[in-house]
C-alpha atoms as a PDB file:
ATOM      1  CA  UNK A   1       9.404  13.263 -21.961  1.00  0.00           C
ATOM      2  CA  UNK A   2      10.127  16.840 -20.923  1.00  0.00           C
ATOM      3  CA  UNK A   3      13.700  18.000 -20.145  1.00  0.00           C
ATOM      4  CA  UNK A   4      14.798  17.684 -16.495  1.00  0.00           C
ATOM      5  CA  UNK A   5      17.889  18.028 -14.356  1.00  0.00           C
ATOM      6  CA  UNK A   6      19.383  14.918 -12.752  1.00  0.00           C
ATOM      7  CA  UNK A   7      21.422  14.964  -9.563  1.00  0.00           C
ATOM      8  CA  UNK A   8      22.770  12.113  -7.420  1.00  0.00           C
ATOM      9  CA  UNK A   9      23.225  12.521  -3.671  1.00  0.00           C
ATOM     10  CA  UNK A  10      25.318  10.493  -1.242  1.00  0.00           C
ATOM     11  CA  UNK A  11      23.960  11.685   2.118  1.00  0.00           C
ATOM     12  CA  UNK A  12      20.564  12.581   3.548  1.00  0.00           C
ATOM     13  CA  UNK A  13      21.527  16.218   4.153  1.00  0.00           C
ATOM     14  CA  UNK A  14      22.095  16.817   0.440  1.00  0.00           C
ATOM     15  CA  UNK A  15      18.924  14.884  -0.378  1.00  0.00           C
ATOM     16  CA  UNK A  16      16.812  17.047   1.915  1.00  0.00           C
ATOM     17  CA  UNK A  17      18.336  20.228   0.506  1.00  0.00           C
ATOM     18  CA  UNK A  18      17.481  19.136  -3.031  1.00  0.00           C
ATOM     19  CA  UNK A  19      14.000  18.007  -1.931  1.00  0.00           C
ATOM     20  CA  UNK A  20      13.218  21.365  -0.323  1.00  0.00           C
ATOM     21  CA  UNK A  21      14.127  23.021  -3.608  1.00  0.00           C
ATOM     22  CA  UNK A  22      11.466  20.969  -5.376  1.00  0.00           C
ATOM     23  CA  UNK A  23      13.496  17.966  -6.491  1.00  0.00           C
ATOM     24  CA  UNK A  24      11.691  14.637  -6.836  1.00  0.00           C
ATOM     25  CA  UNK A  25      13.312  11.663  -5.167  1.00  0.00           C
ATOM     26  CA  UNK A  26      13.981   8.579  -7.281  1.00  0.00           C
ATOM     27  CA  UNK A  27      15.579   5.214  -6.482  1.00  0.00           C
ATOM     28  CA  UNK A  28      14.437   2.235  -8.565  1.00  0.00           C
ATOM     29  CA  UNK A  29      12.465   4.551 -10.839  1.00  0.00           C
ATOM     30  CA  UNK A  30       9.884   1.904 -11.720  1.00  0.00           C
ATOM     31  CA  UNK A  31       6.945   4.291 -11.269  1.00  0.00           C
ATOM     32  CA  UNK A  32       8.238   7.844 -11.692  1.00  0.00           C
ATOM     33  CA  UNK A  33      10.063   7.194 -14.962  1.00  0.00           C
ATOM     34  CA  UNK A  34       6.898   5.696 -16.485  1.00  0.00           C
ATOM     35  CA  UNK A  35       4.872   8.718 -15.431  1.00  0.00           C
ATOM     36  CA  UNK A  36       7.485  11.047 -16.862  1.00  0.00           C
ATOM     37  CA  UNK A  37       7.393   9.207 -20.187  1.00  0.00           C
ATOM     38  CA  UNK A  38       3.618   9.585 -20.264  1.00  0.00           C
ATOM     39  CA  UNK A  39       4.011  13.294 -19.297  1.00  0.00           C
ATOM     40  CA  UNK A  40       1.786  12.775 -16.271  1.00  0.00           C
ATOM     41  CA  UNK A  41       4.705  13.861 -14.103  1.00  0.00           C
ATOM     42  CA  UNK A  42       6.972  16.724 -15.193  1.00  0.00           C
ATOM     43  CA  UNK A  43       9.603  17.247 -12.481  1.00  0.00           C
ATOM     44  CA  UNK A  44      12.222  19.885 -13.205  1.00  0.00           C
ATOM     45  CA  UNK A  45      14.769  18.049 -11.038  1.00  0.00           C
ATOM     46  CA  UNK A  46      15.149  14.350 -10.263  1.00  0.00           C
ATOM     47  CA  UNK A  47      17.191  13.485  -7.159  1.00  0.00           C
ATOM     48  CA  UNK A  48      18.760  10.006  -7.202  1.00  0.00           C
ATOM     49  CA  UNK A  49      18.799   8.701  -3.621  1.00  0.00           C
ATOM     50  CA  UNK A  50      19.746   5.119  -4.436  1.00  0.00           C
ATOM     51  CA  UNK A  51      23.158   5.562  -2.788  1.00  0.00           C
ATOM     52  CA  UNK A  52      21.807   6.511   0.641  1.00  0.00           C
ATOM     53  CA  UNK A  53      22.345   4.027   3.536  1.00  0.00           C
ATOM     54  CA  UNK A  54      18.651   3.110   3.862  1.00  0.00           C
ATOM     55  CA  UNK A  55      18.793  -0.478   2.624  1.00  0.00           C
ATOM     56  CA  UNK A  56      18.771  -2.626   5.772  1.00  0.00           C
ATOM     57  CA  UNK A  57      16.175  -4.776   7.530  1.00  0.00           C
ATOM     58  CA  UNK A  58      16.648  -4.723  11.313  1.00  0.00           C
ATOM     59  CA  UNK A  59      14.783  -6.151  14.284  1.00  0.00           C
ATOM     60  CA  UNK A  60      13.533  -3.655  16.867  1.00  0.00           C
ATOM     61  CA  UNK A  61      14.126  -4.108  20.579  1.00  0.00           C
ATOM     62  CA  UNK A  62      10.557  -5.262  21.245  1.00  0.00           C
ATOM     63  CA  UNK A  63      10.342  -7.768  18.414  1.00  0.00           C
ATOM     64  CA  UNK A  64       9.145  -5.674  15.519  1.00  0.00           C
ATOM     65  CA  UNK A  65      10.909  -4.994  12.215  1.00  0.00           C
ATOM     66  CA  UNK A  66      12.289  -1.877  10.577  1.00  0.00           C
ATOM     67  CA  UNK A  67      12.570  -2.080   6.783  1.00  0.00           C
ATOM     68  CA  UNK A  68      14.732   0.605   5.177  1.00  0.00           C
ATOM     69  CA  UNK A  69      13.101   2.690   2.470  1.00  0.00           C
ATOM     70  CA  UNK A  70      15.687   1.583  -0.112  1.00  0.00           C
ATOM     71  CA  UNK A  71      15.385  -2.144   0.537  1.00  0.00           C
ATOM     72  CA  UNK A  72      14.196  -3.630  -2.729  1.00  0.00           C
ATOM     73  CA  UNK A  73      10.930  -5.525  -2.863  1.00  0.00           C
ATOM     74  CA  UNK A  74      12.716  -8.773  -3.678  1.00  0.00           C
ATOM     75  CA  UNK A  75      15.250  -8.340  -0.850  1.00  0.00           C
ATOM     76  CA  UNK A  76      12.509  -7.584   1.677  1.00  0.00           C
ATOM     77  CA  UNK A  77      10.411 -10.560   0.549  1.00  0.00           C
ATOM     78  CA  UNK A  78      13.375 -12.940   0.856  1.00  0.00           C
ATOM     79  CA  UNK A  79      14.720 -11.639   4.158  1.00  0.00           C
ATOM     80  CA  UNK A  80      14.610 -14.400   6.833  1.00  0.00           C
ATOM     81  CA  UNK A  81      13.214 -12.118   9.533  1.00  0.00           C
ATOM     82  CA  UNK A  82      10.432 -10.862   7.279  1.00  0.00           C
ATOM     83  CA  UNK A  83       9.514 -14.377   6.169  1.00  0.00           C
ATOM     84  CA  UNK A  84       9.562 -15.703   9.728  1.00  0.00           C
ATOM     85  CA  UNK A  85       7.942 -12.873  11.679  1.00  0.00           C
ATOM     86  CA  UNK A  86       5.520 -11.449   9.104  1.00  0.00           C
ATOM     87  CA  UNK A  87       4.832 -13.837   6.201  1.00  0.00           C
ATOM     88  CA  UNK A  88       2.000 -11.544   5.081  1.00  0.00           C
ATOM     89  CA  UNK A  89       4.618  -8.985   4.030  1.00  0.00           C
ATOM     90  CA  UNK A  90       6.679 -11.501   2.059  1.00  0.00           C
ATOM     91  CA  UNK A  91       3.601 -12.899   0.349  1.00  0.00           C
ATOM     92  CA  UNK A  92       2.275  -9.479  -0.611  1.00  0.00           C
ATOM     93  CA  UNK A  93       5.623  -8.536  -2.134  1.00  0.00           C
ATOM     94  CA  UNK A  94       5.979 -11.800  -4.054  1.00  0.00           C
ATOM     95  CA  UNK A  95       2.516 -11.322  -5.553  1.00  0.00           C
ATOM     96  CA  UNK A  96       3.442  -7.832  -6.736  1.00  0.00           C
ATOM     97  CA  UNK A  97       4.760  -6.890 -10.158  1.00  0.00           C
ATOM     98  CA  UNK A  98       7.258  -8.970 -12.115  1.00  0.00           C
ATOM     99  CA  UNK A  99      10.550 -10.382 -10.843  1.00  0.00           C
ATOM    100  CA  UNK A 100      12.485  -7.742 -12.781  1.00  0.00           C
ATOM    101  CA  UNK A 101      10.489  -4.906 -11.233  1.00  0.00           C
ATOM    102  CA  UNK A 102      10.770  -6.377  -7.737  1.00  0.00           C
ATOM    103  CA  UNK A 103      14.549  -6.434  -8.129  1.00  0.00           C
ATOM    104  CA  UNK A 104      14.557  -2.678  -8.832  1.00  0.00           C
ATOM    105  CA  UNK A 105      11.606  -1.211  -6.947  1.00  0.00           C
ATOM    106  CA  UNK A 106      12.082  -0.148  -3.310  1.00  0.00           C
ATOM    107  CA  UNK A 107       9.804  -0.300  -0.295  1.00  0.00           C
ATOM    108  CA  UNK A 108       9.670   3.499  -0.053  1.00  0.00           C
ATOM    109  CA  UNK A 109       8.876   3.859  -3.723  1.00  0.00           C
ATOM    110  CA  UNK A 110       6.251   1.129  -3.574  1.00  0.00           C
ATOM    111  CA  UNK A 111       4.125   2.840  -0.946  1.00  0.00           C
ATOM    112  CA  UNK A 112       4.560   6.160  -2.784  1.00  0.00           C
ATOM    113  CA  UNK A 113       3.457   4.823  -6.164  1.00  0.00           C
ATOM    114  CA  UNK A 114       0.534   6.544  -7.810  1.00  0.00           C
ATOM    115  CA  UNK A 115      -2.688   4.988  -9.027  1.00  0.00           C
ATOM    116  CA  UNK A 116      -2.900   2.813 -12.130  1.00  0.00           C
ATOM    117  CA  UNK A 117      -6.225   4.413 -13.107  1.00  0.00           C
ATOM    118  CA  UNK A 118      -6.206   4.631 -16.907  1.00  0.00           C
ATOM    119  CA  UNK A 119      -7.851   8.051 -16.830  1.00  0.00           C
ATOM    120  CA  UNK A 120      -5.117   9.394 -14.530  1.00  0.00           C
ATOM    121  CA  UNK A 121      -2.475   8.159 -16.973  1.00  0.00           C
ATOM    122  CA  UNK A 122      -4.290   9.505 -20.026  1.00  0.00           C
ATOM    123  CA  UNK A 123      -3.409  13.202 -20.107  1.00  0.00           C
ATOM    124  CA  UNK A 124      -6.345  13.893 -22.436  1.00  0.00           C
ATOM    125  CA  UNK A 125      -8.891  12.646 -19.860  1.00  0.00           C
ATOM    126  CA  UNK A 126     -10.399  14.603 -16.980  1.00  0.00           C
ATOM    127  CA  UNK A 127      -8.684  13.703 -13.705  1.00  0.00           C
ATOM    128  CA  UNK A 128      -8.807  15.675 -10.462  1.00  0.00           C
ATOM    129  CA  UNK A 129      -5.811  13.760  -9.150  1.00  0.00           C
ATOM    130  CA  UNK A 130      -3.660  14.895 -12.054  1.00  0.00           C
ATOM    131  CA  UNK A 131      -5.312  18.289 -12.670  1.00  0.00           C
ATOM    132  CA  UNK A 132      -7.419  19.533  -9.730  1.00  0.00           C
ATOM    133  CA  UNK A 133     -10.831  20.803 -10.754  1.00  0.00           C
ATOM    134  CA  UNK A 134     -10.894  19.061 -14.140  1.00  0.00           C
ATOM    135  CA  UNK A 135     -13.374  16.352 -13.098  1.00  0.00           C
ATOM    136  CA  UNK A 136     -13.269  12.550 -12.783  1.00  0.00           C
ATOM    137  CA  UNK A 137     -13.756  10.682 -16.054  1.00  0.00           C
ATOM    138  CA  UNK A 138     -13.796   7.345 -14.223  1.00  0.00           C
ATOM    139  CA  UNK A 139     -17.086   8.021 -12.451  1.00  0.00           C
ATOM    140  CA  UNK A 140     -19.050   7.953 -15.699  1.00  0.00           C
ATOM    141  CA  UNK A 141     -16.517   5.934 -17.706  1.00  0.00           C
ATOM    142  CA  UNK A 142     -15.465   2.294 -17.522  1.00  0.00           C
ATOM    143  CA  UNK A 143     -14.820   1.812 -13.817  1.00  0.00           C
ATOM    144  CA  UNK A 144     -14.522  -1.957 -13.309  1.00  0.00           C
ATOM    145  CA  UNK A 145     -11.139  -1.698 -11.583  1.00  0.00           C
ATOM    146  CA  UNK A 146     -11.955   1.320  -9.457  1.00  0.00           C
ATOM    147  CA  UNK A 147     -12.618   1.726  -5.751  1.00  0.00           C
ATOM    148  CA  UNK A 148     -15.798   0.971  -3.842  1.00  0.00           C
ATOM    149  CA  UNK A 149     -14.517   2.190  -0.436  1.00  0.00           C
ATOM    150  CA  UNK A 150     -13.223   5.625   0.547  1.00  0.00           C
ATOM    151  CA  UNK A 151     -14.357   7.264  -2.669  1.00  0.00           C
ATOM    152  CA  UNK A 152     -15.506  10.833  -3.153  1.00  0.00           C
ATOM    153  CA  UNK A 153     -17.186  12.835  -5.878  1.00  0.00           C
ATOM    154  CA  UNK A 154     -13.698  13.951  -6.912  1.00  0.00           C
ATOM    155  CA  UNK A 155     -11.942  10.581  -7.220  1.00  0.00           C
ATOM    156  CA  UNK A 156     -12.578   6.820  -7.271  1.00  0.00           C
ATOM    157  CA  UNK A 157      -9.049   5.585  -8.051  1.00  0.00           C
ATOM    158  CA  UNK A 158      -7.576   2.668  -6.092  1.00  0.00           C
ATOM    159  CA  UNK A 159      -4.148   2.567  -4.496  1.00  0.00           C
ATOM    160  CA  UNK A 160      -2.168  -0.128  -6.348  1.00  0.00           C
ATOM    161  CA  UNK A 161       0.333  -1.322  -3.728  1.00  0.00           C
ATOM    162  CA  UNK A 162       0.067  -4.860  -2.319  1.00  0.00           C
ATOM    163  CA  UNK A 163       2.580  -4.497   0.489  1.00  0.00           C
ATOM    164  CA  UNK A 164       0.820  -1.317   1.631  1.00  0.00           C
ATOM    165  CA  UNK A 165      -2.192  -3.503   2.421  1.00  0.00           C
ATOM    166  CA  UNK A 166      -0.016  -5.680   4.646  1.00  0.00           C
ATOM    167  CA  UNK A 167       1.480  -2.597   6.328  1.00  0.00           C
ATOM    168  CA  UNK A 168      -2.006  -1.206   6.932  1.00  0.00           C
ATOM    169  CA  UNK A 169      -3.183  -4.473   8.467  1.00  0.00           C
ATOM    170  CA  UNK A 170      -0.131  -4.675  10.752  1.00  0.00           C
ATOM    171  CA  UNK A 171      -0.497  -1.010  11.766  1.00  0.00           C
ATOM    172  CA  UNK A 172       3.009  -0.080  10.682  1.00  0.00           C
ATOM    173  CA  UNK A 173       4.587   3.362  10.914  1.00  0.00           C
ATOM    174  CA  UNK A 174       6.427   5.325   8.232  1.00  0.00           C
ATOM    175  CA  UNK A 175       9.635   7.017   9.372  1.00  0.00           C
ATOM    176  CA  UNK A 176      10.383  10.275   7.589  1.00  0.00           C
ATOM    177  CA  UNK A 177      13.160  12.841   7.776  1.00  0.00           C
ATOM    178  CA  UNK A 178      12.698  16.511   7.002  1.00  0.00           C
ATOM    179  CA  UNK A 179      13.859  20.021   7.786  1.00  0.00           C
ATOM    180  CA  UNK A 180      12.345  19.738  11.272  1.00  0.00           C
ATOM    181  CA  UNK A 181      13.997  16.408  12.005  1.00  0.00           C
ATOM    182  CA  UNK A 182      12.558  12.919  12.209  1.00  0.00           C
ATOM    183  CA  UNK A 183       8.934  11.969  12.711  1.00  0.00           C
ATOM    184  CA  UNK A 184       6.784   8.859  12.557  1.00  0.00           C
ATOM    185  CA  UNK A 185       3.491   8.683  10.695  1.00  0.00           C
ATOM    186  CA  UNK A 186       1.033   5.859  11.448  1.00  0.00           C
ATOM    187  CA  UNK A 187       0.407   4.016   8.201  1.00  0.00           C
ATOM    188  CA  UNK A 188      -3.316   4.680   8.562  1.00  0.00           C
ATOM    189  CA  UNK A 189      -2.534   8.408   8.301  1.00  0.00           C
ATOM    190  CA  UNK A 190       0.235   8.238   5.701  1.00  0.00           C
ATOM    191  CA  UNK A 191      -1.872   7.580   2.600  1.00  0.00           C
ATOM    192  CA  UNK A 192      -4.716  10.069   2.281  1.00  0.00           C
ATOM    193  CA  UNK A 193      -8.260   9.482   1.114  1.00  0.00           C
ATOM    194  CA  UNK A 194      -9.143  11.707  -1.837  1.00  0.00           C
ATOM    195  CA  UNK A 195     -11.932  13.821  -0.365  1.00  0.00           C
ATOM    196  CA  UNK A 196     -11.956  17.095  -2.281  1.00  0.00           C
ATOM    197  CA  UNK A 197      -8.162  17.123  -2.758  1.00  0.00           C
ATOM    198  CA  UNK A 198      -7.258  13.841  -4.519  1.00  0.00           C
ATOM    199  CA  UNK A 199      -4.047  15.413  -5.834  1.00  0.00           C
ATOM    200  CA  UNK A 200      -2.649  15.263  -2.268  1.00  0.00           C
ATOM    201  CA  UNK A 201      -1.890  11.576  -1.735  1.00  0.00           C
ATOM    202  CA  UNK A 202       0.512  11.316   1.224  1.00  0.00           C
ATOM    203  CA  UNK A 203       0.925  13.110   4.539  1.00  0.00           C
ATOM    204  CA  UNK A 204       4.452  14.259   3.624  1.00  0.00           C
ATOM    205  CA  UNK A 205       5.696  17.806   4.002  1.00  0.00           C
ATOM    206  CA  UNK A 206       7.711  19.408   1.236  1.00  0.00           C
ATOM    207  CA  UNK A 207      11.106  17.794   0.868  1.00  0.00           C
ATOM    208  CA  UNK A 208      10.551  15.063   3.450  1.00  0.00           C
ATOM    209  CA  UNK A 209      12.308  11.775   2.806  1.00  0.00           C
ATOM    210  CA  UNK A 210      10.999   8.333   3.773  1.00  0.00           C
ATOM    211  CA  UNK A 211      13.721   6.484   5.658  1.00  0.00           C
ATOM    212  CA  UNK A 212      11.957   3.291   6.798  1.00  0.00           C
ATOM    213  CA  UNK A 213       8.728   1.447   7.480  1.00  0.00           C
ATOM    214  CA  UNK A 214       8.487  -0.054  10.953  1.00  0.00           C
ATOM    215  CA  UNK A 215       6.186  -2.945  11.839  1.00  0.00           C
ATOM    216  CA  UNK A 216       5.416  -3.076  15.560  1.00  0.00           C
ATOM    217  CA  UNK A 217       5.853  -6.126  17.732  1.00  0.00           C
ATOM    218  CA  UNK A 218       2.687  -8.210  17.857  1.00  0.00           C
ATOM    219  CA  UNK A 219       1.693 -10.998  20.266  1.00  0.00           C
ATOM    220  CA  UNK A 220       2.971 -14.472  19.456  1.00  0.00           C
ATOM    221  CA  UNK A 221       2.128 -16.941  18.078  1.00  0.00           C
ATOM    222  CA  UNK A 222       1.038 -14.936  15.052  1.00  0.00           C
ATOM    223  CA  UNK A 223      -0.204 -16.478  11.829  1.00  0.00           C
ATOM    224  CA  UNK A 224      -0.470 -14.207   8.813  1.00  0.00           C
ATOM    225  CA  UNK A 225      -0.926 -14.261   5.060  1.00  0.00           C
ATOM    226  CA  UNK A 226      -1.972 -12.386   1.942  1.00  0.00           C
ATOM    227  CA  UNK A 227      -4.474 -13.364  -0.732  1.00  0.00           C
ATOM    228  CA  UNK A 228      -4.736 -11.537  -4.053  1.00  0.00           C
ATOM    229  CA  UNK A 229      -7.528 -11.961  -6.600  1.00  0.00           C
ATOM    230  CA  UNK A 230      -6.768 -10.732 -10.120  1.00  0.00           C
ATOM    231  CA  UNK A 231      -7.858 -11.254 -13.686  1.00  0.00           C
ATOM    232  CA  UNK A 232      -4.797 -13.333 -14.555  1.00  0.00           C
ATOM    233  CA  UNK A 233      -2.201 -15.185 -12.524  1.00  0.00           C
ATOM    234  CA  UNK A 234       0.784 -13.350 -14.017  1.00  0.00           C
ATOM    235  CA  UNK A 235       1.770  -9.735 -13.350  1.00  0.00           C
ATOM    236  CA  UNK A 236      -1.506  -7.924 -12.630  1.00  0.00           C
ATOM    237  CA  UNK A 237      -3.031  -5.544 -10.112  1.00  0.00           C
ATOM    238  CA  UNK A 238      -5.610  -6.720  -7.599  1.00  0.00           C
ATOM    239  CA  UNK A 239      -9.340  -6.744  -8.095  1.00  0.00           C
ATOM    240  CA  UNK A 240      -9.479  -7.484  -4.377  1.00  0.00           C
ATOM    241  CA  UNK A 241      -6.957  -8.641  -1.820  1.00  0.00           C
ATOM    242  CA  UNK A 242      -6.847  -9.426   1.879  1.00  0.00           C
ATOM    243  CA  UNK A 243      -4.045  -9.205   4.444  1.00  0.00           C
ATOM    244  CA  UNK A 244      -4.759 -11.120   7.644  1.00  0.00           C
ATOM    245  CA  UNK A 245      -2.819 -11.626  10.889  1.00  0.00           C
ATOM    246  CA  UNK A 246      -4.289 -13.613  13.792  1.00  0.00           C
ATOM    247  CA  UNK A 247      -3.011 -14.223  17.318  1.00  0.00           C
ATOM    248  CA  UNK A 248      -4.742 -17.366  18.538  1.00  0.00           C
ATOM    249  CA  UNK A 249      -3.996 -18.655  22.040  1.00  0.00           C
ATOM    250  CA  UNK A 250      -5.876 -21.318  23.953  1.00  0.00           C
ATOM    251  CA  UNK A 251      -8.152 -21.850  20.972  1.00  0.00           C
ATOM    252  CA  UNK A 252      -9.415 -18.249  21.118  1.00  0.00           C
ATOM    253  CA  UNK A 253      -8.602 -15.334  18.805  1.00  0.00           C
ATOM    254  CA  UNK A 254      -6.919 -12.783  21.041  1.00  0.00           C
ATOM    255  CA  UNK A 255      -5.980 -10.261  18.371  1.00  0.00           C
ATOM    256  CA  UNK A 256      -6.897  -9.786  14.702  1.00  0.00           C
ATOM    257  CA  UNK A 257      -5.430  -7.519  12.018  1.00  0.00           C
ATOM    258  CA  UNK A 258      -7.254  -7.374   8.681  1.00  0.00           C
ATOM    259  CA  UNK A 259      -7.026  -5.039   5.683  1.00  0.00           C
ATOM    260  CA  UNK A 260      -8.152  -5.129   2.071  1.00  0.00           C
ATOM    261  CA  UNK A 261      -6.638  -3.942  -1.209  1.00  0.00           C
ATOM    262  CA  UNK A 262      -7.898  -3.372  -4.741  1.00  0.00           C
ATOM    263  CA  UNK A 263     -11.162  -1.951  -3.405  1.00  0.00           C
ATOM    264  CA  UNK A 264     -10.216   1.253  -1.602  1.00  0.00           C
ATOM    265  CA  UNK A 265      -8.765   4.611  -2.496  1.00  0.00           C
ATOM    266  CA  UNK A 266      -6.177   3.664   0.136  1.00  0.00           C
ATOM    267  CA  UNK A 267      -5.345   0.261   1.662  1.00  0.00           C
ATOM    268  CA  UNK A 268      -8.520  -0.380   3.622  1.00  0.00           C
ATOM    269  CA  UNK A 269      -8.379  -1.430   7.269  1.00  0.00           C
ATOM    270  CA  UNK A 270     -11.379  -3.528   8.322  1.00  0.00           C
ATOM    271  CA  UNK A 271     -12.026  -2.802  12.029  1.00  0.00           C
ATOM    272  CA  UNK A 272     -15.558  -4.262  11.958  1.00  0.00           C
ATOM    273  CA  UNK A 273     -14.132  -7.584  10.778  1.00  0.00           C
ATOM    274  CA  UNK A 274     -11.401  -7.474  13.437  1.00  0.00           C
ATOM    275  CA  UNK A 275     -13.842  -6.696  16.237  1.00  0.00           C
ATOM    276  CA  UNK A 276     -16.106  -9.559  15.214  1.00  0.00           C
ATOM    277  CA  UNK A 277     -13.208 -12.008  15.475  1.00  0.00           C
ATOM    278  CA  UNK A 278     -11.619 -11.077  18.800  1.00  0.00           C
ATOM    279  CA  UNK A 279     -12.635 -13.281  21.697  1.00  0.00           C
ATOM    280  CA  UNK A 280     -14.146 -15.959  19.453  1.00  0.00           C
ATOM    281  CA  UNK A 281     -13.101 -19.498  18.612  1.00  0.00           C
ATOM    282  CA  UNK A 282     -12.148 -20.168  14.970  1.00  0.00           C
ATOM    283  CA  UNK A 283     -14.931 -21.749  12.940  1.00  0.00           C
ATOM    284  CA  UNK A 284     -16.345 -21.681   9.434  1.00  0.00           C
ATOM    285  CA  UNK A 285     -19.396 -19.761  10.639  1.00  0.00           C
ATOM    286  CA  UNK A 286     -17.194 -17.175  12.364  1.00  0.00           C
ATOM    287  CA  UNK A 287     -15.144 -16.493   9.231  1.00  0.00           C
ATOM    288  CA  UNK A 288     -18.300 -16.052   7.161  1.00  0.00           C
ATOM    289  CA  UNK A 289     -19.956 -13.747   9.684  1.00  0.00           C
ATOM    290  CA  UNK A 290     -16.831 -11.595  10.060  1.00  0.00           C
ATOM    291  CA  UNK A 291     -16.219 -11.391   6.308  1.00  0.00           C
ATOM    292  CA  UNK A 292     -19.807 -10.238   5.759  1.00  0.00           C
ATOM    293  CA  UNK A 293     -18.750  -6.955   7.353  1.00  0.00           C
ATOM    294  CA  UNK A 294     -15.817  -6.401   4.976  1.00  0.00           C
ATOM    295  CA  UNK A 295     -17.737  -4.268   2.495  1.00  0.00           C
ATOM    296  CA  UNK A 296     -19.520  -2.067   5.048  1.00  0.00           C
ATOM    297  CA  UNK A 297     -19.893   1.417   3.561  1.00  0.00           C
ATOM    298  CA  UNK A 298     -19.131   0.323   0.004  1.00  0.00           C
ATOM    299  CA  UNK A 299     -20.256   2.621  -2.812  1.00  0.00           C
ATOM    300  CA  UNK A 300     -19.863   0.579  -6.001  1.00  0.00           C
ATOM    301  CA  UNK A 301     -20.080   2.133  -9.447  1.00  0.00           C
ATOM    302  CA  UNK A 302     -21.753   0.892 -12.613  1.00  0.00           C
ATOM    303  CA  UNK A 303     -19.103  -1.658 -13.579  1.00  0.00           C
ATOM    304  CA  UNK A 304     -17.615  -2.765 -10.251  1.00  0.00           C
ATOM    305  CA  UNK A 305     -20.610  -3.881  -8.231  1.00  0.00           C
ATOM    306  CA  UNK A 306     -19.163  -7.393  -8.292  1.00  0.00           C
ATOM    307  CA  UNK A 307     -16.358  -6.234  -6.011  1.00  0.00           C
ATOM    308  CA  UNK A 308     -18.664  -6.110  -2.990  1.00  0.00           C
ATOM    309  CA  UNK A 309     -19.261  -9.863  -2.922  1.00  0.00           C
ATOM    310  CA  UNK A 310     -15.770 -10.659  -4.213  1.00  0.00           C
ATOM    311  CA  UNK A 311     -14.232  -8.738  -1.314  1.00  0.00           C
ATOM    312  CA  UNK A 312     -16.291 -10.668   1.234  1.00  0.00           C
ATOM    313  CA  UNK A 313     -15.310 -13.991  -0.322  1.00  0.00           C
ATOM    314  CA  UNK A 314     -11.638 -13.005  -0.462  1.00  0.00           C
ATOM    315  CA  UNK A 315     -11.547 -12.002   3.208  1.00  0.00           C
ATOM    316  CA  UNK A 316     -13.417 -15.151   4.249  1.00  0.00           C
ATOM    317  CA  UNK A 317     -11.050 -17.385   2.276  1.00  0.00           C
ATOM    318  CA  UNK A 318      -7.947 -15.815   3.799  1.00  0.00           C
ATOM    319  CA  UNK A 319      -9.382 -15.975   7.319  1.00  0.00           C
ATOM    320  CA  UNK A 320     -10.017 -19.698   6.833  1.00  0.00           C
ATOM    321  CA  UNK A 321      -6.453 -20.285   5.615  1.00  0.00           C
ATOM    322  CA  UNK A 322      -4.700 -18.218   8.294  1.00  0.00           C
ATOM    323  CA  UNK A 323      -7.033 -19.477  11.007  1.00  0.00           C
ATOM    324  CA  UNK A 324      -6.265 -23.083  10.141  1.00  0.00           C
ATOM    325  CA  UNK A 325      -9.760 -24.099   9.068  1.00  0.00           C
ATOM    326  CA  UNK A 326      -9.414 -24.355   5.276  1.00  0.00           C
END
């Protein structure tokens, strides 16, 4: 680990000042500290924001939820309003990491975490995300766990967050605070596809601070859930996952929110699946037909071709469960 300066702030003004000077924000430290140990990240200054008042879950006036950036994963998963209004969020958090990590890691840090690609974390390997212009060792290397959607010639790494998949499905917004004041970023625009600049991962301006993630109000009744497929049942990242939320009234699907994880360079919204569902009555044939569209545009690599069919099966299974036709 390289030498660095540590500073702790107690208000957002001091945090923003330190961030504009190049300081890296840290709260639970479950990702950044690991990357610093592996010398993937070499910040000169680390700014501890764990004391800021950003650790509350509150209901919005219209029936949505605002989750503070410093709410821990375990606290968010256990919160009664989260469990009642958006079970998909609680389930995605409970299927993430280990209990010890969930007790430390924060919502803001979770959506900011960097890829678990082994080539990114190996400083001897070529990685455009870590060192722009150096190449992508994963494309010709062992790429079983890599993305099949949203890839580019420069990068095929997946985004590792589970709860980000739920946020993408629910069309959440990220609240940020910066030198120019507050702004809201739609979750679909917050995490960036790699394109030719995979080193730029979020739509944050220099020094901006995430203050909350807000889930909008959705029509009720709303059934939702998260399914994660992985190599082992214990602490492991997803091969594929599906976040589903359905508003069914009068026996007809009035609104559908579906996203996938473990297969995209960002949490992958599935509008073709959603469009196929709306206006239809739940049935086994409907789930299968909608799920068949989940891998549209997939570009699998040598070792992850299996993900195309696995993604379809995962989405179909979760649609059946949430739709009440197991």
